[in-house]
Amino acid sequence: MASKILKATTNITGLVVSKDPHYALKLLYGKILRDLKKLPEAAAYRKFTEDVINSRLEHVENEPNIARLERKINCGQIEEVIVQAENELMCVRRMALNHVWEPLVAQAPANQWKWPIA
């Protein structure tokens, strides 16, 4: 059983306290994992994202205390973790839509991946 949220605010403008973060994260992580299955198993993004999401989902399922859950996930307040999961869901859907694992259609310009730009 998830613990009750005792805080009144996140102290982050525009970010309200989640009433049921365990439910929200289980739902989002389930959707992310389902959508990752649309990517090839060999895709690096799929492999690493599945590892992270499965690890976080395990914490969500096994840690009812919000404060301890935040420490285990170690990515800010639980409401921030929910926003991160929402963003990851949008990202995985865009990755699938754009077939990012496929080879480039044309050769990348010289210095395409060079940083910093001189």
C-alpha atoms as a PDB file:
ATOM      1  CA  MET A   1       0.000   0.000   0.000  1.00  0.00           C
ATOM      2  CA  ALA A   2       1.368   3.394  -0.977  1.00  0.00           C
ATOM      3  CA  SER A   3       2.013   5.882   1.796  1.00  0.00           C
ATOM      4  CA  LYS A   4      -0.025   9.043   2.048  1.00  0.00           C
ATOM      5  CA  ILE A   5       1.471  12.252   0.736  1.00  0.00           C
ATOM      6  CA  LEU A   6       2.021  14.576   3.676  1.00  0.00           C
ATOM      7  CA  LYS A   7       3.573  17.544   1.938  1.00  0.00           C
ATOM      8  CA  ALA A   8       1.411  20.491   0.941  1.00  0.00           C
ATOM      9  CA  THR A   9       3.622  21.705  -1.892  1.00  0.00           C
ATOM     10  CA  THR A  10       6.570  20.677  -4.022  1.00  0.00           C
ATOM     11  CA  ASN A  11       7.990  24.212  -3.731  1.00  0.00           C
ATOM     12  CA  ILE A  12       8.388  24.128  -7.516  1.00  0.00           C
ATOM     13  CA  THR A  13       6.218  26.627  -9.373  1.00  0.00           C
ATOM     14  CA  GLY A  14       3.568  24.864 -11.415  1.00  0.00           C
ATOM     15  CA  LEU A  15       4.337  21.382 -10.064  1.00  0.00           C
ATOM     16  CA  VAL A  16       1.521  20.178  -7.830  1.00  0.00           C
ATOM     17  CA  VAL A  17       1.793  17.404  -5.268  1.00  0.00           C
ATOM     18  CA  SER A  18       0.856  14.033  -6.753  1.00  0.00           C
ATOM     19  CA  LYS A  19      -2.077  12.374  -4.982  1.00  0.00           C
ATOM     20  CA  ASP A  20      -1.073   8.841  -6.029  1.00  0.00           C
ATOM     21  CA  PRO A  21       2.494   8.757  -7.388  1.00  0.00           C
ATOM     22  CA  HIS A  22       2.778   4.969  -7.235  1.00  0.00           C
ATOM     23  CA  TYR A  23      -0.221   4.561  -9.520  1.00  0.00           C
ATOM     24  CA  ALA A  24       0.992   7.287 -11.897  1.00  0.00           C
ATOM     25  CA  LEU A  25       4.487   5.823 -12.184  1.00  0.00           C
ATOM     26  CA  LYS A  26       3.288   2.229 -12.618  1.00  0.00           C
ATOM     27  CA  LEU A  27       0.990   3.385 -15.405  1.00  0.00           C
ATOM     28  CA  LEU A  28       3.680   5.469 -17.151  1.00  0.00           C
ATOM     29  CA  TYR A  29       6.431   2.871 -16.778  1.00  0.00           C
ATOM     30  CA  GLY A  30       4.109   0.192 -18.146  1.00  0.00           C
ATOM     31  CA  LYS A  31       3.366   2.322 -21.208  1.00  0.00           C
ATOM     32  CA  ILE A  32       7.060   3.065 -21.731  1.00  0.00           C
ATOM     33  CA  LEU A  33       7.987  -0.622 -21.550  1.00  0.00           C
ATOM     34  CA  ARG A  34       5.157  -1.546 -23.924  1.00  0.00           C
ATOM     35  CA  ASP A  35       6.212   1.097 -26.445  1.00  0.00           C
ATOM     36  CA  LEU A  36       9.884   0.117 -26.185  1.00  0.00           C
ATOM     37  CA  LYS A  37       8.902  -3.309 -27.513  1.00  0.00           C
ATOM     38  CA  LYS A  38       8.178  -1.595 -30.850  1.00  0.00           C
ATOM     39  CA  LEU A  39      11.893  -0.856 -31.228  1.00  0.00           C
ATOM     40  CA  PRO A  40      14.358  -3.541 -32.338  1.00  0.00           C
ATOM     41  CA  GLU A  41      15.976  -5.440 -29.474  1.00  0.00           C
ATOM     42  CA  ALA A  42      19.401  -4.382 -30.751  1.00  0.00           C
ATOM     43  CA  ALA A  43      18.570  -0.654 -30.523  1.00  0.00           C
ATOM     44  CA  ALA A  44      20.799   0.889 -27.848  1.00  0.00           C
ATOM     45  CA  TYR A  45      18.062   3.293 -26.726  1.00  0.00           C
ATOM     46  CA  ARG A  46      15.704   0.375 -26.073  1.00  0.00           C
ATOM     47  CA  LYS A  47      18.248  -1.633 -24.103  1.00  0.00           C
ATOM     48  CA  PHE A  48      19.378   1.149 -21.803  1.00  0.00           C
ATOM     49  CA  THR A  49      15.934   2.654 -21.331  1.00  0.00           C
ATOM     50  CA  GLU A  50      14.420  -0.743 -20.478  1.00  0.00           C
ATOM     51  CA  ASP A  51      17.123  -1.240 -17.857  1.00  0.00           C
ATOM     52  CA  VAL A  52      16.441   2.130 -16.212  1.00  0.00           C
ATOM     53  CA  ILE A  53      12.653   1.822 -16.348  1.00  0.00           C
ATOM     54  CA  ASN A  54      12.640  -1.748 -15.024  1.00  0.00           C
ATOM     55  CA  SER A  55      14.878  -0.693 -12.144  1.00  0.00           C
ATOM     56  CA  ARG A  56      12.646   2.261 -11.275  1.00  0.00           C
ATOM     57  CA  LEU A  57       9.486   0.177 -11.617  1.00  0.00           C
ATOM     58  CA  GLU A  58      10.908  -2.356  -9.180  1.00  0.00           C
ATOM     59  CA  HIS A  59      11.517   0.441  -6.657  1.00  0.00           C
ATOM     60  CA  VAL A  60       7.981   1.773  -7.156  1.00  0.00           C
ATOM     61  CA  GLU A  61       6.476  -1.680  -6.627  1.00  0.00           C
ATOM     62  CA  ASN A  62       8.574  -2.484  -3.555  1.00  0.00           C
ATOM     63  CA  GLU A  63       8.882   0.838  -1.704  1.00  0.00           C
ATOM     64  CA  PRO A  64       5.637   2.276  -0.299  1.00  0.00           C
ATOM     65  CA  ASN A  65       7.350   5.180   1.485  1.00  0.00           C
ATOM     66  CA  ILE A  66       7.597   8.206  -0.823  1.00  0.00           C
ATOM     67  CA  ALA A  67      10.684   9.725   0.813  1.00  0.00           C
ATOM     68  CA  ARG A  68      12.602   6.444   0.584  1.00  0.00           C
ATOM     69  CA  LEU A  69      11.362   5.925  -2.984  1.00  0.00           C
ATOM     70  CA  GLU A  70      12.680   9.368  -3.943  1.00  0.00           C
ATOM     71  CA  ARG A  71      16.072   8.489  -2.457  1.00  0.00           C
ATOM     72  CA  LYS A  72      16.206   5.143  -4.263  1.00  0.00           C
ATOM     73  CA  ILE A  73      15.330   6.630  -7.648  1.00  0.00           C
ATOM     74  CA  ASN A  74      17.571   9.638  -6.894  1.00  0.00           C
ATOM     75  CA  CYS A  75      16.131  12.014  -9.496  1.00  0.00           C
ATOM     76  CA  GLY A  76      14.399  14.647  -7.402  1.00  0.00           C
ATOM     77  CA  GLN A  77      10.959  14.759  -5.876  1.00  0.00           C
ATOM     78  CA  ILE A  78       8.512  12.064  -6.927  1.00  0.00           C
ATOM     79  CA  GLU A  79       6.528  14.651  -8.888  1.00  0.00           C
ATOM     80  CA  GLU A  80       9.666  15.440 -10.889  1.00  0.00           C
ATOM     81  CA  VAL A  81      10.135  11.714 -11.522  1.00  0.00           C
ATOM     82  CA  ILE A  82       6.563  11.587 -12.863  1.00  0.00           C
ATOM     83  CA  VAL A  83       7.323  14.468 -15.253  1.00  0.00           C
ATOM     84  CA  GLN A  84      10.505  12.656 -16.348  1.00  0.00           C
ATOM     85  CA  ALA A  85       8.458   9.511 -17.039  1.00  0.00           C
ATOM     86  CA  GLU A  86       5.920  11.514 -19.069  1.00  0.00           C
ATOM     87  CA  ASN A  87       8.766  13.001 -21.108  1.00  0.00           C
ATOM     88  CA  GLU A  88      10.365   9.580 -21.602  1.00  0.00           C
ATOM     89  CA  LEU A  89       7.053   8.205 -22.870  1.00  0.00           C
ATOM     90  CA  MET A  90       6.873  11.000 -25.459  1.00  0.00           C
ATOM     91  CA  CYS A  91      10.512  10.338 -26.381  1.00  0.00           C
ATOM     92  CA  VAL A  92      10.106   6.594 -26.914  1.00  0.00           C
ATOM     93  CA  ARG A  93       7.071   7.209 -29.093  1.00  0.00           C
ATOM     94  CA  ARG A  94       9.034   9.684 -31.206  1.00  0.00           C
ATOM     95  CA  MET A  95      11.935   7.257 -31.456  1.00  0.00           C
ATOM     96  CA  ALA A  96       9.584   4.550 -32.751  1.00  0.00           C
ATOM     97  CA  LEU A  97       7.880   6.945 -35.151  1.00  0.00           C
ATOM     98  CA  ASN A  98      11.174   8.156 -36.621  1.00  0.00           C
ATOM     99  CA  HIS A  99      12.936   4.763 -36.761  1.00  0.00           C
ATOM    100  CA  VAL A 100      16.068   6.255 -35.228  1.00  0.00           C
ATOM    101  CA  TRP A 101      17.838   2.878 -35.244  1.00  0.00           C
ATOM    102  CA  GLU A 102      17.959   2.793 -39.038  1.00  0.00           C
ATOM    103  CA  PRO A 103      21.095   3.904 -40.905  1.00  0.00           C
ATOM    104  CA  LEU A 104      21.355   7.502 -42.061  1.00  0.00           C
ATOM    105  CA  VAL A 105      19.876   8.193 -45.503  1.00  0.00           C
ATOM    106  CA  ALA A 106      22.937  10.278 -46.391  1.00  0.00           C
ATOM    107  CA  GLN A 107      26.376  10.745 -44.901  1.00  0.00           C
ATOM    108  CA  ALA A 108      26.392  13.123 -41.933  1.00  0.00           C
ATOM    109  CA  PRO A 109      28.125  16.466 -42.556  1.00  0.00           C
ATOM    110  CA  ALA A 110      31.737  16.769 -41.421  1.00  0.00           C
ATOM    111  CA  ASN A 111      31.993  17.671 -37.727  1.00  0.00           C
ATOM    112  CA  GLN A 112      28.303  16.842 -37.215  1.00  0.00           C
ATOM    113  CA  TRP A 113      29.011  15.317 -33.828  1.00  0.00           C
ATOM    114  CA  LYS A 114      31.908  17.574 -32.801  1.00  0.00           C
ATOM    115  CA  TRP A 115      31.529  19.513 -29.581  1.00  0.00           C
ATOM    116  CA  PRO A 116      32.159  22.251 -28.718  1.00  0.00           C
ATOM    117  CA  ILE A 117      31.571  24.019 -31.956  1.00  0.00           C
ATOM    118  CA  ALA A 118      34.667  26.069 -32.747  1.00  0.00           C
END
